[in-house]
Amino acid sequence: MSSVKEIQSVRNACRVLEAIAQTQPVGVSDLARAIGIDKSAAHRLAITLHAARWLDRTEDGRWSIAPTLISTIRESGTMSLVGSVHPLLESARDHTGETAMLVVPEAGRLMIADVVESRHNLRVAATVGAEMPARRSSALRALAAHLPADDLATWRRIDPDLTDSALKAIRGRGWAVSDGEVIPDTGAVGAALRRADGLPVALFVLCGPSSRFNRERLPELGEVVARLAATWPGCATSQAHSPHTPAG
């Protein structure tokens, strides 16, 4: 154990944020009861966090997490994710010769978070920060295969072809494919990066021209993304049992 004493006011501020995140919007009285501190102390902490633009206050005086804090956490999380996945993208590119991408779901969209491009003259190029077309993509299929029913419903409005039987097949083999269905003459395979509870946080995608993503080679490429996705440090593969059950 560390001999350095924690600063109680900072610890309480952390508890305030945790409690608000779980029950927002929440009033000061309920907040104080939830974390076991004096109401006036809870109020001072909320005011301080509001001044830092980490909390927002509703018209009736209740508190919620501010978009500024949400954005900061999301950006930091994406940076950490990119750092942990980038070596795997490089390994995929070096092993297959094809472009490898990290794709992150965000507010009903698929965003490209990182790219390691193929060295071939004829290759698929992508831009970090750009939105990937979701419908019929290997990324969306790999994502949907591991989502609970409530979350899956949102994506099914974008792609009605995400049937239970199709998603079950993707889970069975560990990767999804899109064969010229998003961009003509372009193929892609994708696998989900899943956290310890089994929920997907991002997608590992390989893509290239259909001349190299032919039907004979697709299983080999799919196995590459599935195998590398399983080596991601946050992967759920090593869990004996997952508390999360995908829809379908």
C-alpha atoms as a PDB file:
ATOM      1  CA  MET A   1       0.000   0.000   0.000  1.00  0.00           C
ATOM      2  CA  SER A   2       1.074   3.559  -0.692  1.00  0.00           C
ATOM      3  CA  SER A   3       2.110   5.676   2.303  1.00  0.00           C
ATOM      4  CA  VAL A   4       0.861   8.823   0.537  1.00  0.00           C
ATOM      5  CA  LYS A   5      -2.476   9.973   1.918  1.00  0.00           C
ATOM      6  CA  GLU A   6      -5.263  10.749  -0.528  1.00  0.00           C
ATOM      7  CA  ILE A   7      -6.814  14.228  -0.604  1.00  0.00           C
ATOM      8  CA  GLN A   8     -10.324  13.668   0.684  1.00  0.00           C
ATOM      9  CA  SER A   9     -11.879  16.612  -1.151  1.00  0.00           C
ATOM     10  CA  VAL A  10     -10.532  15.331  -4.470  1.00  0.00           C
ATOM     11  CA  ARG A  11     -11.767  11.834  -3.676  1.00  0.00           C
ATOM     12  CA  ASN A  12     -15.198  13.256  -2.880  1.00  0.00           C
ATOM     13  CA  ALA A  13     -15.205  15.180  -6.162  1.00  0.00           C
ATOM     14  CA  CYS A  14     -14.543  11.894  -7.969  1.00  0.00           C
ATOM     15  CA  ARG A  15     -17.410  10.290  -6.087  1.00  0.00           C
ATOM     16  CA  VAL A  16     -19.676  13.197  -7.057  1.00  0.00           C
ATOM     17  CA  LEU A  17     -18.884  12.673 -10.739  1.00  0.00           C
ATOM     18  CA  GLU A  18     -19.433   8.916 -10.462  1.00  0.00           C
ATOM     19  CA  ALA A  19     -22.773   9.357  -8.688  1.00  0.00           C
ATOM     20  CA  ILE A  20     -24.034  11.966 -11.148  1.00  0.00           C
ATOM     21  CA  ALA A  21     -22.989   9.831 -14.118  1.00  0.00           C
ATOM     22  CA  GLN A  22     -25.068   6.947 -12.743  1.00  0.00           C
ATOM     23  CA  THR A  23     -28.257   8.871 -11.899  1.00  0.00           C
ATOM     24  CA  GLN A  24     -28.195  12.158 -13.813  1.00  0.00           C
ATOM     25  CA  PRO A  25     -29.783  14.587 -13.589  1.00  0.00           C
ATOM     26  CA  VAL A  26     -29.655  14.559  -9.808  1.00  0.00           C
ATOM     27  CA  GLY A  27     -30.318  17.111  -7.110  1.00  0.00           C
ATOM     28  CA  VAL A  28     -27.893  18.017  -4.315  1.00  0.00           C
ATOM     29  CA  SER A  29     -29.877  16.271  -1.562  1.00  0.00           C
ATOM     30  CA  ASP A  30     -29.991  12.970  -3.433  1.00  0.00           C
ATOM     31  CA  LEU A  31     -26.365  13.379  -4.424  1.00  0.00           C
ATOM     32  CA  ALA A  32     -25.264  13.926  -0.821  1.00  0.00           C
ATOM     33  CA  ARG A  33     -27.179  10.858   0.346  1.00  0.00           C
ATOM     34  CA  ALA A  34     -25.760   8.723  -2.475  1.00  0.00           C
ATOM     35  CA  ILE A  35     -22.145   9.390  -1.549  1.00  0.00           C
ATOM     36  CA  GLY A  36     -22.577   9.894   2.183  1.00  0.00           C
ATOM     37  CA  ILE A  37     -21.388  13.473   2.611  1.00  0.00           C
ATOM     38  CA  ASP A  38     -22.918  16.669   3.956  1.00  0.00           C
ATOM     39  CA  LYS A  39     -25.344  18.446   1.629  1.00  0.00           C
ATOM     40  CA  SER A  40     -23.415  21.722   1.777  1.00  0.00           C
ATOM     41  CA  ALA A  41     -20.181  19.884   0.888  1.00  0.00           C
ATOM     42  CA  ALA A  42     -21.881  18.201  -2.056  1.00  0.00           C
ATOM     43  CA  HIS A  43     -23.177  21.576  -3.195  1.00  0.00           C
ATOM     44  CA  ARG A  44     -19.715  23.187  -3.023  1.00  0.00           C
ATOM     45  CA  LEU A  45     -18.180  20.313  -4.982  1.00  0.00           C
ATOM     46  CA  ALA A  46     -20.882  20.539  -7.647  1.00  0.00           C
ATOM     47  CA  ILE A  47     -20.400  24.316  -7.952  1.00  0.00           C
ATOM     48  CA  THR A  48     -16.633  23.837  -8.302  1.00  0.00           C
ATOM     49  CA  LEU A  49     -17.035  21.151 -10.971  1.00  0.00           C
ATOM     50  CA  HIS A  50     -19.546  23.364 -12.750  1.00  0.00           C
ATOM     51  CA  ALA A  51     -17.015  26.220 -12.798  1.00  0.00           C
ATOM     52  CA  ALA A  52     -14.529  23.799 -14.390  1.00  0.00           C
ATOM     53  CA  ARG A  53     -17.208  23.023 -17.040  1.00  0.00           C
ATOM     54  CA  TRP A  54     -17.376  19.393 -15.967  1.00  0.00           C
ATOM     55  CA  LEU A  55     -20.982  19.635 -14.759  1.00  0.00           C
ATOM     56  CA  ASP A  56     -24.102  21.265 -16.188  1.00  0.00           C
ATOM     57  CA  ARG A  57     -27.012  22.540 -14.101  1.00  0.00           C
ATOM     58  CA  THR A  58     -30.640  22.176 -15.167  1.00  0.00           C
ATOM     59  CA  GLU A  59     -33.222  24.913 -14.717  1.00  0.00           C
ATOM     60  CA  ASP A  60     -34.606  23.130 -11.651  1.00  0.00           C
ATOM     61  CA  GLY A  61     -31.158  22.967 -10.016  1.00  0.00           C
ATOM     62  CA  ARG A  62     -30.163  19.386 -10.737  1.00  0.00           C
ATOM     63  CA  TRP A  63     -26.764  18.326 -12.009  1.00  0.00           C
ATOM     64  CA  SER A  64     -25.572  16.332 -15.018  1.00  0.00           C
ATOM     65  CA  ILE A  65     -22.235  15.569 -16.681  1.00  0.00           C
ATOM     66  CA  ALA A  66     -21.232  18.362 -19.075  1.00  0.00           C
ATOM     67  CA  PRO A  67     -20.480  17.701 -22.765  1.00  0.00           C
ATOM     68  CA  THR A  68     -17.012  19.183 -22.216  1.00  0.00           C
ATOM     69  CA  LEU A  69     -16.054  16.376 -19.846  1.00  0.00           C
ATOM     70  CA  ILE A  70     -17.678  13.737 -22.027  1.00  0.00           C
ATOM     71  CA  SER A  71     -15.741  14.995 -25.053  1.00  0.00           C
ATOM     72  CA  THR A  72     -12.470  15.070 -23.126  1.00  0.00           C
ATOM     73  CA  ILE A  73     -12.925  11.509 -21.883  1.00  0.00           C
ATOM     74  CA  ARG A  74     -13.948  10.261 -25.333  1.00  0.00           C
ATOM     75  CA  GLU A  75     -10.926  11.857 -27.020  1.00  0.00           C
ATOM     76  CA  SER A  76      -8.578  10.514 -24.356  1.00  0.00           C
ATOM     77  CA  GLY A  77     -10.118   7.059 -24.631  1.00  0.00           C
ATOM     78  CA  THR A  78      -9.750   7.059 -28.408  1.00  0.00           C
ATOM     79  CA  MET A  79      -6.096   8.093 -28.126  1.00  0.00           C
ATOM     80  CA  SER A  80      -5.420   5.272 -25.667  1.00  0.00           C
ATOM     81  CA  LEU A  81      -7.247   2.817 -27.921  1.00  0.00           C
ATOM     82  CA  VAL A  82      -5.252   3.925 -30.963  1.00  0.00           C
ATOM     83  CA  GLY A  83      -2.005   3.516 -29.057  1.00  0.00           C
ATOM     84  CA  SER A  84      -2.851  -0.037 -28.040  1.00  0.00           C
ATOM     85  CA  VAL A  85      -4.138  -1.119 -31.466  1.00  0.00           C
ATOM     86  CA  HIS A  86      -1.668   0.595 -33.826  1.00  0.00           C
ATOM     87  CA  PRO A  87       1.013  -2.142 -33.529  1.00  0.00           C
ATOM     88  CA  LEU A  88      -1.647  -4.706 -34.443  1.00  0.00           C
ATOM     89  CA  LEU A  89      -2.602  -2.682 -37.526  1.00  0.00           C
ATOM     90  CA  GLU A  90       1.034  -2.581 -38.559  1.00  0.00           C
ATOM     91  CA  SER A  91       1.326  -6.323 -38.054  1.00  0.00           C
ATOM     92  CA  ALA A  92      -1.771  -6.919 -40.201  1.00  0.00           C
ATOM     93  CA  ARG A  93      -0.459  -4.686 -42.981  1.00  0.00           C
ATOM     94  CA  ASP A  94       2.969  -6.339 -42.903  1.00  0.00           C
ATOM     95  CA  HIS A  95       1.500  -9.845 -42.888  1.00  0.00           C
ATOM     96  CA  THR A  96      -1.086  -9.328 -45.642  1.00  0.00           C
ATOM     97  CA  GLY A  97       0.182  -6.315 -47.559  1.00  0.00           C
ATOM     98  CA  GLU A  98      -3.236  -4.668 -47.246  1.00  0.00           C
ATOM     99  CA  THR A  99      -4.547  -1.487 -45.627  1.00  0.00           C
ATOM    100  CA  ALA A 100      -5.516  -1.929 -41.952  1.00  0.00           C
ATOM    101  CA  MET A 101      -7.904   0.371 -40.095  1.00  0.00           C
ATOM    102  CA  LEU A 102      -9.235   0.956 -36.606  1.00  0.00           C
ATOM    103  CA  VAL A 103     -12.902   1.962 -36.716  1.00  0.00           C
ATOM    104  CA  VAL A 104     -14.825   3.319 -33.717  1.00  0.00           C
ATOM    105  CA  PRO A 105     -18.640   3.505 -33.368  1.00  0.00           C
ATOM    106  CA  GLU A 106     -19.760   6.967 -32.340  1.00  0.00           C
ATOM    107  CA  ALA A 107     -23.333   8.262 -32.089  1.00  0.00           C
ATOM    108  CA  GLY A 108     -24.712   6.024 -34.820  1.00  0.00           C
ATOM    109  CA  ARG A 109     -21.718   6.459 -37.113  1.00  0.00           C
ATOM    110  CA  LEU A 110     -18.527   4.537 -37.819  1.00  0.00           C
ATOM    111  CA  MET A 111     -15.448   6.751 -37.561  1.00  0.00           C
ATOM    112  CA  ILE A 112     -11.954   5.894 -38.779  1.00  0.00           C
ATOM    113  CA  ALA A 113      -9.618   6.340 -35.795  1.00  0.00           C
ATOM    114  CA  ASP A 114      -6.358   5.029 -37.274  1.00  0.00           C
ATOM    115  CA  VAL A 115      -5.007   3.760 -40.609  1.00  0.00           C
ATOM    116  CA  VAL A 116      -1.903   1.856 -41.682  1.00  0.00           C
ATOM    117  CA  GLU A 117      -1.893   1.907 -45.477  1.00  0.00           C
ATOM    118  CA  SER A 118      -0.834  -0.838 -47.837  1.00  0.00           C
ATOM    119  CA  ARG A 119       2.434  -0.365 -49.683  1.00  0.00           C
ATOM    120  CA  HIS A 120       0.898  -1.580 -52.942  1.00  0.00           C
ATOM    121  CA  ASN A 121       0.431   0.999 -55.697  1.00  0.00           C
ATOM    122  CA  LEU A 122      -3.162  -0.203 -56.041  1.00  0.00           C
ATOM    123  CA  ARG A 123      -4.590   0.059 -52.546  1.00  0.00           C
ATOM    124  CA  VAL A 124      -7.442   1.388 -50.457  1.00  0.00           C
ATOM    125  CA  ALA A 125      -6.670   4.763 -48.891  1.00  0.00           C
ATOM    126  CA  ALA A 126      -8.553   6.158 -45.902  1.00  0.00           C
ATOM    127  CA  THR A 127      -8.425   9.330 -43.829  1.00  0.00           C
ATOM    128  CA  VAL A 128      -8.255   9.364 -40.040  1.00  0.00           C
ATOM    129  CA  GLY A 129     -11.305  11.191 -38.698  1.00  0.00           C
ATOM    130  CA  ALA A 130     -13.450  10.412 -41.717  1.00  0.00           C
ATOM    131  CA  GLU A 131     -16.764   8.598 -41.475  1.00  0.00           C
ATOM    132  CA  MET A 132     -16.911   5.095 -42.921  1.00  0.00           C
ATOM    133  CA  PRO A 133     -20.057   4.096 -44.839  1.00  0.00           C
ATOM    134  CA  ALA A 134     -21.774   1.763 -42.385  1.00  0.00           C
ATOM    135  CA  ARG A 135     -24.413  -0.135 -44.353  1.00  0.00           C
ATOM    136  CA  ARG A 136     -23.223  -3.564 -45.531  1.00  0.00           C
ATOM    137  CA  SER A 137     -19.700  -2.898 -44.248  1.00  0.00           C
ATOM    138  CA  SER A 138     -17.631  -5.602 -42.578  1.00  0.00           C
ATOM    139  CA  ALA A 139     -17.081  -3.176 -39.697  1.00  0.00           C
ATOM    140  CA  LEU A 140     -20.794  -2.793 -38.943  1.00  0.00           C
ATOM    141  CA  ARG A 141     -21.396  -6.510 -39.317  1.00  0.00           C
ATOM    142  CA  ALA A 142     -18.562  -7.326 -36.897  1.00  0.00           C
ATOM    143  CA  LEU A 143     -19.884  -4.725 -34.457  1.00  0.00           C
ATOM    144  CA  ALA A 144     -23.517  -5.834 -34.662  1.00  0.00           C
ATOM    145  CA  ALA A 145     -22.655  -9.481 -34.035  1.00  0.00           C
ATOM    146  CA  HIS A 146     -21.727  -8.668 -30.434  1.00  0.00           C
ATOM    147  CA  LEU A 147     -24.298  -6.017 -29.493  1.00  0.00           C
ATOM    148  CA  PRO A 148     -27.217  -6.444 -27.083  1.00  0.00           C
ATOM    149  CA  ALA A 149     -30.696  -6.171 -28.574  1.00  0.00           C
ATOM    150  CA  ASP A 150     -31.342  -2.538 -27.590  1.00  0.00           C
ATOM    151  CA  ASP A 151     -28.149  -1.279 -29.230  1.00  0.00           C
ATOM    152  CA  LEU A 152     -28.564  -3.564 -32.233  1.00  0.00           C
ATOM    153  CA  ALA A 153     -31.954  -2.055 -33.038  1.00  0.00           C
ATOM    154  CA  THR A 154     -30.337   1.314 -33.786  1.00  0.00           C
ATOM    155  CA  TRP A 155     -27.926  -0.172 -36.315  1.00  0.00           C
ATOM    156  CA  ARG A 156     -30.622  -2.326 -37.917  1.00  0.00           C
ATOM    157  CA  ARG A 157     -32.383   0.857 -38.950  1.00  0.00           C
ATOM    158  CA  ILE A 158     -29.223   1.681 -40.907  1.00  0.00           C
ATOM    159  CA  ASP A 159     -28.706  -1.842 -42.230  1.00  0.00           C
ATOM    160  CA  PRO A 160     -31.789  -4.106 -42.231  1.00  0.00           C
ATOM    161  CA  ASP A 161     -29.647  -7.005 -43.483  1.00  0.00           C
ATOM    162  CA  LEU A 162     -28.240  -7.534 -39.970  1.00  0.00           C
ATOM    163  CA  THR A 163     -30.340 -10.642 -39.415  1.00  0.00           C
ATOM    164  CA  ASP A 164     -29.975 -12.968 -36.441  1.00  0.00           C
ATOM    165  CA  SER A 165     -28.729 -15.802 -38.626  1.00  0.00           C
ATOM    166  CA  ALA A 166     -26.111 -13.621 -40.338  1.00  0.00           C
ATOM    167  CA  LEU A 167     -24.827 -12.304 -36.995  1.00  0.00           C
ATOM    168  CA  LYS A 168     -24.695 -15.811 -35.519  1.00  0.00           C
ATOM    169  CA  ALA A 169     -22.510 -16.915 -38.449  1.00  0.00           C
ATOM    170  CA  ILE A 170     -20.149 -13.970 -37.853  1.00  0.00           C
ATOM    171  CA  ARG A 171     -19.805 -14.846 -34.172  1.00  0.00           C
ATOM    172  CA  GLY A 172     -19.118 -18.450 -35.127  1.00  0.00           C
ATOM    173  CA  ARG A 173     -16.168 -17.698 -37.384  1.00  0.00           C
ATOM    174  CA  GLY A 174     -14.960 -14.569 -35.556  1.00  0.00           C
ATOM    175  CA  TRP A 175     -14.936 -12.136 -38.479  1.00  0.00           C
ATOM    176  CA  ALA A 176     -17.222 -10.422 -40.996  1.00  0.00           C
ATOM    177  CA  VAL A 177     -16.824  -9.758 -44.707  1.00  0.00           C
ATOM    178  CA  SER A 178     -18.007  -7.171 -47.217  1.00  0.00           C
ATOM    179  CA  ASP A 179     -17.357  -8.181 -50.817  1.00  0.00           C
ATOM    180  CA  GLY A 180     -17.765  -5.111 -53.015  1.00  0.00           C
ATOM    181  CA  GLU A 181     -20.987  -4.168 -51.214  1.00  0.00           C
ATOM    182  CA  VAL A 182     -19.856  -0.744 -49.959  1.00  0.00           C
ATOM    183  CA  ILE A 183     -17.409   0.376 -52.632  1.00  0.00           C
ATOM    184  CA  PRO A 184     -17.368  -1.425 -55.985  1.00  0.00           C
ATOM    185  CA  ASP A 185     -14.293  -3.571 -56.646  1.00  0.00           C
ATOM    186  CA  THR A 186     -13.227  -3.331 -52.994  1.00  0.00           C
ATOM    187  CA  GLY A 187     -13.292  -6.034 -50.348  1.00  0.00           C
ATOM    188  CA  ALA A 188     -12.960  -5.904 -46.572  1.00  0.00           C
ATOM    189  CA  VAL A 189     -12.895  -8.148 -43.535  1.00  0.00           C
ATOM    190  CA  GLY A 190     -13.466  -6.989 -39.977  1.00  0.00           C
ATOM    191  CA  ALA A 191     -13.348  -8.279 -36.412  1.00  0.00           C
ATOM    192  CA  ALA A 192     -14.581  -6.722 -33.179  1.00  0.00           C
ATOM    193  CA  LEU A 193     -12.294  -5.556 -30.398  1.00  0.00           C
ATOM    194  CA  ARG A 194     -14.247  -6.503 -27.285  1.00  0.00           C
ATOM    195  CA  ARG A 195     -13.766  -5.485 -23.680  1.00  0.00           C
ATOM    196  CA  ALA A 196     -13.853  -7.861 -20.713  1.00  0.00           C
ATOM    197  CA  ASP A 197     -17.669  -8.043 -20.609  1.00  0.00           C
ATOM    198  CA  GLY A 198     -17.807  -9.024 -24.285  1.00  0.00           C
ATOM    199  CA  LEU A 199     -19.160  -5.736 -25.621  1.00  0.00           C
ATOM    200  CA  PRO A 200     -17.425  -4.359 -28.740  1.00  0.00           C
ATOM    201  CA  VAL A 201     -15.555  -1.067 -28.417  1.00  0.00           C
ATOM    202  CA  ALA A 202     -14.011  -0.827 -31.883  1.00  0.00           C
ATOM    203  CA  LEU A 203     -13.484  -2.698 -35.134  1.00  0.00           C
ATOM    204  CA  PHE A 204     -10.296  -4.042 -36.730  1.00  0.00           C
ATOM    205  CA  VAL A 205     -10.630  -3.875 -40.526  1.00  0.00           C
ATOM    206  CA  LEU A 206      -8.499  -5.015 -43.471  1.00  0.00           C
ATOM    207  CA  CYS A 207      -9.439  -3.734 -46.915  1.00  0.00           C
ATOM    208  CA  GLY A 208      -8.143  -3.772 -50.457  1.00  0.00           C
ATOM    209  CA  PRO A 209      -9.026  -4.166 -54.121  1.00  0.00           C
ATOM    210  CA  SER A 210     -11.242  -7.113 -55.011  1.00  0.00           C
ATOM    211  CA  SER A 211      -8.475  -8.491 -57.223  1.00  0.00           C
ATOM    212  CA  ARG A 212      -6.603  -9.343 -54.007  1.00  0.00           C
ATOM    213  CA  PHE A 213      -9.673  -9.829 -51.773  1.00  0.00           C
ATOM    214  CA  ASN A 214     -10.990 -12.723 -53.827  1.00  0.00           C
ATOM    215  CA  ARG A 215     -13.158 -15.500 -52.421  1.00  0.00           C
ATOM    216  CA  GLU A 216     -10.207 -17.862 -52.109  1.00  0.00           C
ATOM    217  CA  ARG A 217      -8.217 -15.391 -49.980  1.00  0.00           C
ATOM    218  CA  LEU A 218     -11.004 -13.935 -47.837  1.00  0.00           C
ATOM    219  CA  PRO A 219     -10.920 -16.716 -45.198  1.00  0.00           C
ATOM    220  CA  GLU A 220      -7.168 -16.223 -44.753  1.00  0.00           C
ATOM    221  CA  LEU A 221      -7.594 -12.466 -44.347  1.00  0.00           C
ATOM    222  CA  GLY A 222     -10.507 -12.943 -41.977  1.00  0.00           C
ATOM    223  CA  GLU A 223      -8.473 -15.242 -39.774  1.00  0.00           C
ATOM    224  CA  VAL A 224      -5.717 -12.616 -39.626  1.00  0.00           C
ATOM    225  CA  VAL A 225      -8.000  -9.873 -38.282  1.00  0.00           C
ATOM    226  CA  ALA A 226      -9.717 -12.281 -35.890  1.00  0.00           C
ATOM    227  CA  ARG A 227      -6.409 -13.556 -34.528  1.00  0.00           C
ATOM    228  CA  LEU A 228      -4.899 -10.090 -34.085  1.00  0.00           C
ATOM    229  CA  ALA A 229      -8.104  -8.705 -32.548  1.00  0.00           C
ATOM    230  CA  ALA A 230      -7.911 -11.509 -29.989  1.00  0.00           C
ATOM    231  CA  THR A 231      -4.429 -10.329 -28.952  1.00  0.00           C
ATOM    232  CA  TRP A 232      -5.608  -6.795 -28.117  1.00  0.00           C
ATOM    233  CA  PRO A 233      -4.819  -6.199 -24.396  1.00  0.00           C
ATOM    234  CA  GLY A 234      -8.436  -5.354 -23.570  1.00  0.00           C
ATOM    235  CA  CYS A 235      -9.862  -8.359 -25.398  1.00  0.00           C
ATOM    236  CA  ALA A 236     -12.437 -10.614 -23.768  1.00  0.00           C
ATOM    237  CA  THR A 237     -11.122 -13.819 -25.362  1.00  0.00           C
ATOM    238  CA  SER A 238      -9.348 -14.942 -22.189  1.00  0.00           C
ATOM    239  CA  GLN A 239     -12.550 -14.631 -20.148  1.00  0.00           C
ATOM    240  CA  ALA A 240     -13.959 -18.058 -19.352  1.00  0.00           C
ATOM    241  CA  HIS A 241     -17.500 -16.675 -19.222  1.00  0.00           C
ATOM    242  CA  SER A 242     -18.866 -13.396 -20.480  1.00  0.00           C
ATOM    243  CA  PRO A 243     -21.718 -11.696 -18.593  1.00  0.00           C
ATOM    244  CA  HIS A 244     -22.915 -10.166 -21.860  1.00  0.00           C
ATOM    245  CA  THR A 245     -25.125 -12.109 -24.270  1.00  0.00           C
ATOM    246  CA  PRO A 246     -25.350 -10.727 -27.835  1.00  0.00           C
ATOM    247  CA  ALA A 247     -28.749 -10.368 -29.521  1.00  0.00           C
ATOM    248  CA  GLY A 248     -29.745 -13.192 -31.828  1.00  0.00           C
END
